[in-house]
Amino acid sequence: MSDKLKLISPVDGSIYVERPLASAADVDATFTQAAQAQNAWKRVPLKERAALLGKFIDAFVALSDDIVPELAWQMGRPIAYGAGEVKGFEDRARYMISIAEEALAPVRPAPIDGFDRYIKRDPLGVIFTIAAWNFPYLIAVNSVVPALMAGNTVVLKHSGQTPLCAERMMQAFEQAGAPDALFQILHMDHDLTSRAIQHPACSYVAFTGSVAGGHAIQQAAVNRFIGVGLELGGKDPSYVRADADIAFTVENLVDGAFFNSGQSCCGQERIYVAAEVYDTFVEQFVELTKGYRLGDPLDADTTIGPMVRTRAATFVRGQIADAVRAGAKSLIPESHYAMSKEGSPYLGPQVLVDVDHSMDIMTEETFGPAVGIVKVAGDEEALRLMNDSRYGLTASIWTTDVDAAKRIGDDVETGTWFMNRCDYLDPALTWTGVKDSGRGATLSSVGYEFLTRPKSYHLRMGK
């Protein structure tokens, strides 16, 4: 097994980054140091933690000019959109800092004469964040900043596809003057990642990745009584009712399906459209999709870049081909996008109709620029099909009827239910999934509950 991490850029297939992988001794030392640092950090007043993290955010944002092209080289994100991830990182981080005092405040039950009773929210210890490559900064910030605000220390293992993201965060912490071992990073293989989870100082694992990866994380932690937060895959549905504003809906769902080359856990992968507006919706959806410019992500005019690697694009092409063989119809020739070529990570967006749930394109995660559209008779059929999935991360409805949206939403098996919006994380709301989309939660005040443990104080004030 190689002792080096080699990042192959999807831009041109070159080796963009090489880094030495951590050793077992590195892992043990890192977690031991993190535990020692946490003993001091948990005693730092909340306002001082917030001040340090504010400096960290300032330093991180100042690195934007370096971060944006690095994202393009590492995972194919067009530079036209790279700054948006930096802005999203800043917004989420500052929001989670702003609510920390209230979210971490002791819980006090109704008073009883002669007693002082309350529940403190104690930090867990060392949080081990394992972040995915597709939104590398947005995924990491969901646990890193609130974990530190809660009095924990953090060890971050970023995807081997985006190691520079971990290093840029480390750089920003150093520039902010963070205490030694408050935040550390490790480049590791799978075996050492399991060793890290099993280290006695590891108190919680925040993992974002595939369902298979989630099972591996659970297996690594099986003999430890620690929390494991899992944000896994999705096959997120949208339902377009007959009363929807079609032009508005198309604009948003095309973006929701194909932003980041469809490589989003909450991307729109299946769309159910009321029969009354189906033909109009499909026509407008295809027309807008054809306007994407597939190309070099370092070109400012590119609106969709390569997928993260050739293997990923080959998988999506395979799903499309299997669906077509089973009777589906693809509405955009791959030749429409000049750079979309077999054997490369460059793949233009695809729209399929005449699809059904016997096809993987409608049931298994695609994680690429392809979406299936199905005509439905109404609310009952749409609800049944939305719930016919082993995933449940987000789902959306497009309608002018708020009451209908709430009524249907009550029965949709999902972590987040949107009306007239999709593919978005609001830091004031909990980010969570059901079924194979995972467990646990990040963001909002609820996210702090998973990064702390309750400790009850029952004090008799006198004899």
Protein backbone atom coordinates (compact mmCIF):
# COMPACT_ATOMS: atom_id res chain seq x y z
CA MET A 1 0.00 0.00 0.00
CA SER A 2 1.28 3.45 -0.91
CA ASP A 3 2.37 5.76 1.90
CA LYS A 4 1.44 8.79 -0.21
CA LEU A 5 -1.81 10.51 -1.08
CA LYS A 6 -1.94 11.35 -4.78
CA LEU A 7 -4.75 13.62 -5.95
CA ILE A 8 -5.64 13.18 -9.63
CA SER A 9 -7.26 16.38 -10.92
CA PRO A 10 -10.45 15.93 -12.95
CA VAL A 11 -9.43 18.96 -15.02
CA ASP A 12 -6.72 17.22 -17.01
CA GLY A 13 -5.91 13.92 -15.26
CA SER A 14 -2.63 15.19 -13.84
CA ILE A 15 -1.36 14.62 -10.30
CA TYR A 16 -2.22 17.92 -8.67
CA VAL A 17 -1.25 17.20 -5.04
CA GLU A 18 0.94 14.65 -3.30
CA ARG A 19 1.08 14.35 0.47
CA PRO A 20 2.56 11.79 2.89
CA LEU A 21 -0.05 9.75 4.69
CA ALA A 22 -0.10 9.73 8.47
CA SER A 23 1.40 6.81 10.36
CA ALA A 24 -0.18 4.98 13.29
CA ALA A 25 2.12 6.95 15.60
CA ASP A 26 0.91 10.20 14.01
CA VAL A 27 -2.69 9.27 14.66
CA ASP A 28 -2.06 8.34 18.29
CA ALA A 29 -0.06 11.51 18.93
CA THR A 30 -2.66 13.74 17.28
CA PHE A 31 -5.58 12.44 19.33
CA THR A 32 -3.57 12.43 22.56
CA GLN A 33 -2.60 16.07 21.98
CA ALA A 34 -6.19 16.96 21.10
CA ALA A 35 -7.43 15.48 24.39
CA GLN A 36 -4.82 17.44 26.35
CA ALA A 37 -5.73 20.66 24.55
CA GLN A 38 -9.41 20.09 25.20
CA ASN A 39 -8.87 20.11 28.97
CA ALA A 40 -7.79 23.72 28.68
CA TRP A 41 -10.14 24.81 25.87
CA LYS A 42 -13.30 23.74 27.68
CA ARG A 43 -12.46 26.26 30.43
CA VAL A 44 -12.13 29.16 27.99
CA PRO A 45 -15.17 31.47 28.29
CA LEU A 46 -17.64 31.28 25.45
CA LYS A 47 -17.03 34.86 24.36
CA GLU A 48 -13.31 34.17 24.01
CA ARG A 49 -14.01 31.07 21.95
CA ALA A 50 -16.26 33.16 19.71
CA ALA A 51 -13.58 35.84 19.33
CA LEU A 52 -10.96 33.31 18.25
CA LEU A 53 -13.31 31.64 15.79
CA GLY A 54 -14.25 35.03 14.40
CA LYS A 55 -10.57 35.63 13.64
CA PHE A 56 -10.40 32.19 12.05
CA ILE A 57 -13.32 33.02 9.76
CA ASP A 58 -11.75 36.34 8.79
CA ALA A 59 -8.48 34.60 7.94
CA PHE A 60 -10.28 31.90 5.95
CA VAL A 61 -12.29 34.38 3.88
CA ALA A 62 -9.08 36.29 3.12
CA LEU A 63 -7.77 33.12 1.41
CA SER A 64 -10.64 33.10 -1.11
CA ASP A 65 -8.46 33.98 -4.11
CA ASP A 66 -6.38 30.85 -3.46
CA ILE A 67 -9.30 28.63 -2.49
CA VAL A 68 -11.43 29.16 -5.62
CA PRO A 69 -8.95 27.83 -8.24
CA GLU A 70 -7.88 25.05 -5.86
CA LEU A 71 -11.48 23.82 -5.73
CA ALA A 72 -11.55 23.70 -9.53
CA TRP A 73 -8.32 21.69 -9.71
CA GLN A 74 -9.26 19.32 -6.88
CA MET A 75 -12.88 18.46 -7.66
CA GLY A 76 -13.92 20.29 -10.83
CA ARG A 77 -16.05 23.11 -9.43
CA PRO A 78 -16.13 25.99 -11.98
CA ILE A 79 -14.38 29.10 -10.70
CA ALA A 80 -17.60 31.01 -11.40
CA TYR A 81 -19.08 29.30 -8.33
CA GLY A 82 -16.10 28.77 -6.03
CA ALA A 83 -16.57 32.02 -4.12
CA GLY A 84 -20.11 30.91 -3.25
CA GLU A 85 -18.73 28.08 -1.14
CA VAL A 86 -16.50 30.50 0.76
CA LYS A 87 -19.50 32.76 1.38
CA GLY A 88 -21.62 29.82 2.51
CA PHE A 89 -18.86 28.70 4.87
CA GLU A 90 -18.70 32.18 6.40
CA ASP A 91 -22.48 32.48 6.77
CA ARG A 92 -22.89 29.09 8.46
CA ALA A 93 -19.92 29.62 10.76
CA ARG A 94 -21.01 33.06 11.91
CA TYR A 95 -24.59 31.86 12.45
CA MET A 96 -23.54 28.92 14.60
CA ILE A 97 -21.35 31.24 16.68
CA SER A 98 -24.22 33.71 17.08
CA ILE A 99 -26.58 31.12 18.58
CA ALA A 100 -24.04 29.33 20.76
CA GLU A 101 -24.74 31.21 23.99
CA GLU A 102 -28.42 30.39 23.89
CA ALA A 103 -27.97 26.86 22.52
CA LEU A 104 -25.39 25.96 25.18
CA ALA A 105 -27.15 27.65 28.10
CA PRO A 106 -28.08 25.40 31.04
CA VAL A 107 -31.59 23.99 31.00
CA ARG A 108 -33.47 24.99 34.14
CA PRO A 109 -36.68 23.24 35.21
CA ALA A 110 -39.35 24.95 37.30
CA PRO A 111 -37.83 26.16 40.61
CA ILE A 112 -38.29 24.27 43.89
CA ASP A 113 -37.64 26.05 47.19
CA GLY A 114 -34.32 25.05 48.71
CA PHE A 115 -32.82 23.58 45.56
CA ASP A 116 -30.82 24.72 42.57
CA ARG A 117 -31.38 22.36 39.66
CA TYR A 118 -30.10 22.61 36.11
CA ILE A 119 -28.70 20.63 33.21
CA LYS A 120 -25.34 21.72 31.78
CA ARG A 121 -24.25 20.97 28.25
CA ASP A 122 -20.72 19.63 28.64
CA PRO A 123 -18.40 19.19 25.64
CA LEU A 124 -17.81 15.62 24.53
CA GLY A 125 -14.02 15.89 24.15
CA VAL A 126 -12.35 15.31 20.78
CA ILE A 127 -14.56 15.47 17.70
CA PHE A 128 -13.35 13.54 14.65
CA THR A 129 -14.75 15.09 11.47
CA ILE A 130 -14.52 13.07 8.25
CA ALA A 131 -15.57 15.36 5.40
CA ALA A 132 -16.51 14.60 1.80
CA TRP A 133 -15.11 16.28 -1.31
CA ASN A 134 -18.23 17.53 -3.10
CA PHE A 135 -18.82 20.60 -0.89
CA PRO A 136 -15.58 20.33 1.04
CA TYR A 137 -15.74 23.51 3.11
CA LEU A 138 -19.50 23.59 3.65
CA ILE A 139 -19.50 20.01 4.89
CA ALA A 140 -16.58 20.53 7.26
CA VAL A 141 -17.90 23.76 8.78
CA ASN A 142 -21.15 22.08 9.84
CA SER A 143 -19.36 20.25 12.65
CA VAL A 144 -16.00 22.00 13.08
CA VAL A 145 -17.17 25.44 14.20
CA PRO A 146 -20.00 24.35 16.55
CA ALA A 147 -17.77 21.62 18.00
CA LEU A 148 -15.15 24.19 18.95
CA MET A 149 -17.74 26.66 20.22
CA ALA A 150 -19.09 23.90 22.48
CA GLY A 151 -15.65 23.40 24.07
CA ASN A 152 -14.43 20.41 22.08
CA THR A 153 -11.24 20.10 20.08
CA VAL A 154 -11.33 18.83 16.49
CA VAL A 155 -9.35 16.47 14.30
CA LEU A 156 -10.29 16.77 10.62
CA LYS A 157 -9.70 14.12 7.98
CA HIS A 158 -10.69 15.49 4.61
CA SER A 159 -11.33 13.45 1.51
CA GLY A 160 -8.25 12.37 -0.42
CA GLN A 161 -9.74 14.33 -3.32
CA THR A 162 -9.66 17.64 -1.40
CA PRO A 163 -6.68 17.58 0.98
CA LEU A 164 -5.87 21.25 0.37
CA CYS A 165 -9.21 22.18 1.93
CA ALA A 166 -8.08 20.76 5.26
CA GLU A 167 -4.75 22.54 4.89
CA ARG A 168 -6.39 25.90 4.13
CA MET A 169 -8.51 25.57 7.26
CA MET A 170 -5.39 24.71 9.26
CA GLN A 171 -3.68 27.78 7.81
CA ALA A 172 -6.57 30.01 8.85
CA PHE A 173 -6.52 28.65 12.41
CA GLU A 174 -2.79 29.28 12.63
CA GLN A 175 -3.23 32.84 11.39
CA ALA A 176 -5.99 33.37 13.96
CA GLY A 177 -3.60 32.38 16.75
CA ALA A 178 -5.41 29.19 17.78
CA PRO A 179 -3.92 27.25 20.70
CA ASP A 180 -1.78 24.23 19.84
CA ALA A 181 -3.81 21.10 19.02
CA LEU A 182 -7.15 22.92 19.13
CA PHE A 183 -7.70 21.99 15.48
CA GLN A 184 -5.57 19.40 13.70
CA ILE A 185 -5.67 17.63 10.36
CA LEU A 186 -4.62 14.18 9.22
CA HIS A 187 -4.27 12.69 5.75
CA MET A 188 -5.10 9.01 6.27
CA ASP A 189 -6.02 5.78 4.52
CA HIS A 190 -9.07 3.74 5.52
CA ASP A 191 -7.23 1.51 7.99
CA LEU A 192 -5.83 4.43 9.94
CA THR A 193 -9.20 6.19 9.85
CA SER A 194 -10.62 3.15 11.65
CA ARG A 195 -7.74 3.31 14.13
CA ALA A 196 -8.55 6.96 14.80
CA ILE A 197 -12.19 6.12 15.53
CA GLN A 198 -11.04 3.44 17.96
CA HIS A 199 -8.61 5.77 19.76
CA PRO A 200 -9.70 6.28 23.40
CA ALA A 201 -9.59 10.06 22.97
CA CYS A 202 -12.02 10.07 20.04
CA SER A 203 -15.37 11.11 21.52
CA TYR A 204 -17.60 11.57 18.48
CA VAL A 205 -17.41 10.99 14.73
CA ALA A 206 -19.06 13.38 12.26
CA PHE A 207 -19.02 11.62 8.90
CA THR A 208 -20.31 12.75 5.52
CA GLY A 209 -20.11 10.33 2.63
CA SER A 210 -21.67 7.28 1.03
CA VAL A 211 -23.98 4.71 2.59
CA ALA A 212 -21.21 2.13 2.31
CA GLY A 213 -18.85 4.55 4.04
CA GLY A 214 -21.39 5.05 6.81
CA HIS A 215 -21.54 1.31 7.43
CA ALA A 216 -17.74 1.20 7.60
CA ILE A 217 -17.71 4.03 10.15
CA GLN A 218 -20.31 2.26 12.29
CA GLN A 219 -18.34 -0.97 12.11
CA ALA A 220 -15.15 0.81 13.22
CA ALA A 221 -17.01 2.25 16.22
CA VAL A 222 -18.94 -0.90 17.10
CA ASN A 223 -16.99 -1.60 20.31
CA ARG A 224 -17.05 2.01 21.53
CA PHE A 225 -19.87 3.88 23.26
CA ILE A 226 -19.43 7.07 21.25
CA GLY A 227 -21.80 9.02 19.06
CA VAL A 228 -21.57 8.68 15.30
CA GLY A 229 -23.24 11.29 13.11
CA LEU A 230 -23.86 10.08 9.55
CA GLU A 231 -24.85 12.34 6.66
CA LEU A 232 -25.08 9.89 3.78
CA GLY A 233 -26.63 9.60 0.35
CA GLY A 234 -29.84 10.86 -1.16
CA LYS A 235 -32.22 10.34 -4.05
CA ASP A 236 -34.09 13.55 -3.45
CA PRO A 237 -37.49 13.99 -5.11
CA SER A 238 -39.44 17.04 -6.24
CA TYR A 239 -43.18 17.23 -6.86
CA VAL A 240 -44.50 19.87 -9.24
CA ARG A 241 -48.22 20.44 -8.69
CA ALA A 242 -50.56 21.75 -11.35
CA ASP A 243 -50.76 25.16 -9.65
CA ALA A 244 -46.97 25.73 -9.66
CA ASP A 245 -45.34 28.71 -11.34
CA ILE A 246 -43.71 26.67 -14.09
CA ALA A 247 -41.02 29.11 -15.26
CA PHE A 248 -39.89 29.72 -11.66
CA THR A 249 -40.00 26.01 -10.86
CA VAL A 250 -37.99 25.02 -13.93
CA GLU A 251 -35.31 27.61 -13.20
CA ASN A 252 -34.85 26.32 -9.67
CA LEU A 253 -35.08 22.60 -10.40
CA VAL A 254 -32.61 22.70 -13.28
CA ASP A 255 -30.13 24.35 -10.94
CA GLY A 256 -31.05 21.91 -8.17
CA ALA A 257 -30.40 18.95 -10.45
CA PHE A 258 -27.20 20.04 -12.18
CA PHE A 259 -25.31 22.44 -9.92
CA ASN A 260 -21.88 21.01 -9.08
CA SER A 261 -22.39 18.50 -11.94
CA GLY A 262 -25.18 16.95 -9.88
CA GLN A 263 -22.68 15.90 -7.22
CA SER A 264 -24.78 16.92 -4.24
CA CYS A 265 -26.32 14.69 -1.60
CA CYS A 266 -29.42 16.90 -1.72
CA GLY A 267 -29.45 17.41 -5.50
CA GLN A 268 -32.76 16.83 -7.28
CA GLU A 269 -32.51 13.37 -8.84
CA ARG A 270 -36.16 12.55 -9.57
CA ILE A 271 -39.02 14.87 -10.45
CA TYR A 272 -42.75 14.07 -10.39
CA VAL A 273 -44.93 16.45 -12.39
CA ALA A 274 -48.71 16.82 -12.45
CA ALA A 275 -50.14 15.62 -15.77
CA GLU A 276 -51.77 19.00 -16.48
CA VAL A 277 -48.41 20.79 -16.69
CA TYR A 278 -46.10 17.91 -17.58
CA ASP A 279 -45.49 18.70 -21.26
CA THR A 280 -44.86 22.38 -20.62
CA PHE A 281 -42.55 21.60 -17.72
CA VAL A 282 -40.45 19.08 -19.65
CA GLU A 283 -40.13 21.36 -22.69
CA GLN A 284 -38.91 24.30 -20.60
CA PHE A 285 -36.68 22.09 -18.44
CA VAL A 286 -34.86 20.66 -21.46
CA GLU A 287 -34.49 24.05 -23.11
CA LEU A 288 -32.88 25.58 -20.02
CA THR A 289 -30.64 22.56 -19.50
CA LYS A 290 -29.27 22.86 -23.03
CA GLY A 291 -27.92 26.29 -22.09
CA TYR A 292 -25.26 24.87 -19.78
CA ARG A 293 -21.65 25.33 -20.89
CA LEU A 294 -19.61 22.21 -20.12
CA GLY A 295 -15.91 22.90 -20.04
CA ASP A 296 -12.69 23.68 -18.23
CA PRO A 297 -13.66 24.76 -14.70
CA LEU A 298 -10.84 27.33 -14.77
CA ASP A 299 -12.66 29.16 -17.58
CA ALA A 300 -14.91 31.91 -16.16
CA ASP A 301 -17.58 31.14 -18.79
CA THR A 302 -17.94 27.48 -17.81
CA THR A 303 -21.19 26.74 -15.97
CA ILE A 304 -20.72 22.99 -15.45
CA GLY A 305 -17.35 21.35 -14.98
CA PRO A 306 -16.12 17.76 -15.07
CA MET A 307 -17.28 15.19 -12.58
CA VAL A 308 -14.79 14.39 -9.85
CA ARG A 309 -13.27 11.44 -11.73
CA THR A 310 -13.79 9.38 -14.86
CA ARG A 311 -15.12 6.43 -12.86
CA ALA A 312 -17.97 8.59 -11.52
CA ALA A 313 -18.94 9.78 -15.00
CA THR A 314 -18.82 6.21 -16.31
CA PHE A 315 -21.23 5.16 -13.54
CA VAL A 316 -23.73 7.88 -14.50
CA ARG A 317 -23.44 7.01 -18.19
CA GLY A 318 -24.17 3.42 -17.21
CA GLN A 319 -27.33 4.37 -15.31
CA ILE A 320 -28.52 6.40 -18.30
CA ALA A 321 -27.79 3.59 -20.76
CA ASP A 322 -29.52 0.99 -18.58
CA ALA A 323 -32.61 3.19 -18.34
CA VAL A 324 -32.74 3.73 -22.09
CA ARG A 325 -32.43 -0.02 -22.72
CA ALA A 326 -35.37 -0.50 -20.33
CA GLY A 327 -37.56 1.95 -22.26
CA ALA A 328 -36.60 5.42 -21.05
CA LYS A 329 -36.03 8.26 -23.49
CA SER A 330 -33.07 10.63 -23.17
CA LEU A 331 -33.93 14.12 -24.38
CA ILE A 332 -30.47 15.65 -24.85
CA PRO A 333 -27.88 14.03 -27.15
CA GLU A 334 -24.52 13.80 -25.39
CA SER A 335 -23.05 15.36 -28.52
CA HIS A 336 -24.83 18.60 -27.61
CA TYR A 337 -21.91 19.26 -25.24
CA ALA A 338 -18.66 19.23 -27.21
CA MET A 339 -16.49 18.21 -24.24
CA SER A 340 -18.78 15.40 -23.08
CA LYS A 341 -16.84 12.27 -24.03
CA GLU A 342 -16.78 8.61 -23.04
CA GLY A 343 -13.74 7.71 -20.98
CA SER A 344 -13.46 11.17 -19.43
CA PRO A 345 -14.95 12.91 -16.39
CA TYR A 346 -16.61 15.48 -18.67
CA LEU A 347 -20.32 14.66 -18.89
CA GLY A 348 -23.09 17.03 -19.97
CA PRO A 349 -26.44 17.09 -18.14
CA GLN A 350 -29.10 14.61 -19.21
CA VAL A 351 -32.90 14.59 -18.87
CA LEU A 352 -34.85 11.32 -19.10
CA VAL A 353 -38.57 10.66 -19.47
CA ASP A 354 -40.63 7.46 -19.72
CA VAL A 355 -38.82 6.35 -16.58
CA ASP A 356 -40.20 4.32 -13.67
CA HIS A 357 -39.09 2.82 -10.39
CA SER A 358 -37.91 -0.42 -11.98
CA MET A 359 -34.89 1.61 -13.18
CA ASP A 360 -31.85 2.46 -11.06
CA ILE A 361 -31.93 6.02 -12.40
CA MET A 362 -35.09 6.50 -10.28
CA THR A 363 -34.15 4.50 -7.20
CA GLU A 364 -30.36 4.39 -6.71
CA GLU A 365 -28.25 7.45 -6.03
CA THR A 366 -26.86 8.89 -9.29
CA PHE A 367 -24.71 11.69 -7.87
CA GLY A 368 -24.22 13.14 -11.31
CA PRO A 369 -25.85 15.34 -13.95
CA ALA A 370 -28.86 13.19 -14.85
CA VAL A 371 -32.48 13.44 -13.76
CA GLY A 372 -35.64 11.46 -14.47
CA ILE A 373 -39.05 13.11 -14.86
CA VAL A 374 -42.32 11.22 -14.29
CA LYS A 375 -45.91 12.27 -15.02
CA VAL A 376 -48.28 11.78 -12.05
CA ALA A 377 -52.05 12.00 -11.65
CA GLY A 378 -51.97 14.03 -8.44
CA ASP A 379 -50.94 14.33 -4.79
CA GLU A 380 -51.57 10.71 -3.80
CA GLU A 381 -49.44 9.21 -6.56
CA ALA A 382 -46.68 11.79 -6.05
CA LEU A 383 -46.54 11.05 -2.31
CA ARG A 384 -46.36 7.32 -2.90
CA LEU A 385 -43.51 7.68 -5.37
CA MET A 386 -41.57 10.18 -3.25
CA ASN A 387 -41.64 7.73 -0.35
CA ASP A 388 -40.72 4.76 -2.54
CA SER A 389 -37.03 5.13 -1.72
CA ARG A 390 -34.50 3.86 0.78
CA TYR A 391 -33.25 7.43 1.12
CA GLY A 392 -34.70 10.44 2.89
CA LEU A 393 -32.55 13.56 3.01
CA THR A 394 -34.64 16.31 1.40
CA ALA A 395 -37.75 16.57 -0.73
CA SER A 396 -39.51 19.54 -2.28
CA ILE A 397 -42.94 20.59 -3.48
CA TRP A 398 -43.67 23.34 -5.99
CA THR A 399 -47.06 24.90 -5.48
CA THR A 400 -48.94 28.04 -4.49
CA ASP A 401 -51.04 26.13 -1.95
CA VAL A 402 -49.31 26.38 1.43
CA ASP A 403 -51.88 24.20 3.17
CA ALA A 404 -51.36 21.42 0.62
CA ALA A 405 -47.60 21.71 1.03
CA LYS A 406 -47.87 21.30 4.79
CA ARG A 407 -50.38 18.44 4.53
CA ILE A 408 -48.30 16.47 2.05
CA GLY A 409 -45.10 17.30 3.90
CA ASP A 410 -46.43 15.67 7.04
CA ASP A 411 -46.40 12.32 5.24
CA VAL A 412 -43.17 12.62 3.26
CA GLU A 413 -40.34 10.54 4.73
CA THR A 414 -37.53 13.08 4.69
CA GLY A 415 -35.19 15.09 6.88
CA THR A 416 -36.04 18.43 5.25
CA TRP A 417 -39.21 19.40 3.39
CA PHE A 418 -39.06 22.39 1.06
CA MET A 419 -41.79 24.41 -0.59
CA ASN A 420 -40.67 26.29 -3.72
CA ARG A 421 -37.02 25.75 -2.85
CA CYS A 422 -34.48 22.91 -3.05
CA ASP A 423 -30.83 21.97 -2.68
CA TYR A 424 -30.23 24.42 0.16
CA LEU A 425 -29.09 24.33 3.79
CA ASP A 426 -30.47 26.92 6.18
CA PRO A 427 -28.16 27.01 9.23
CA ALA A 428 -31.12 27.93 11.43
CA LEU A 429 -32.72 24.58 10.61
CA THR A 430 -31.44 21.12 11.48
CA TRP A 431 -29.67 19.17 8.74
CA THR A 432 -30.61 15.53 9.13
CA GLY A 433 -31.70 12.47 7.20
CA VAL A 434 -33.90 9.42 7.64
CA LYS A 435 -33.60 5.84 6.38
CA ASP A 436 -30.33 5.28 4.47
CA SER A 437 -29.62 9.02 4.38
CA GLY A 438 -28.20 8.70 7.87
CA ARG A 439 -28.76 9.77 11.44
CA GLY A 440 -27.81 12.54 13.81
CA ALA A 441 -27.96 16.25 13.05
CA THR A 442 -25.85 19.28 12.33
CA LEU A 443 -26.58 23.02 12.25
CA SER A 444 -29.21 24.93 14.26
CA SER A 445 -29.43 24.77 18.04
CA VAL A 446 -30.27 21.07 17.70
CA GLY A 447 -26.85 20.45 16.13
CA TYR A 448 -25.21 21.53 19.40
CA GLU A 449 -27.05 18.74 21.23
CA PHE A 450 -25.02 16.13 19.33
CA LEU A 451 -21.71 17.81 20.20
CA THR A 452 -22.38 17.97 23.95
CA ARG A 453 -23.59 15.68 26.70
CA PRO A 454 -26.12 16.59 29.38
CA LYS A 455 -24.90 16.78 32.98
CA SER A 456 -27.47 17.28 35.71
CA TYR A 457 -26.81 19.40 38.82
CA HIS A 458 -29.09 18.86 41.83
CA LEU A 459 -27.99 21.16 44.65
CA ARG A 460 -29.73 21.28 48.05
CA MET A 461 -29.30 24.80 49.37
CA GLY A 462 -29.14 24.07 53.09
CA LYS A 463 -30.14 21.21 55.39
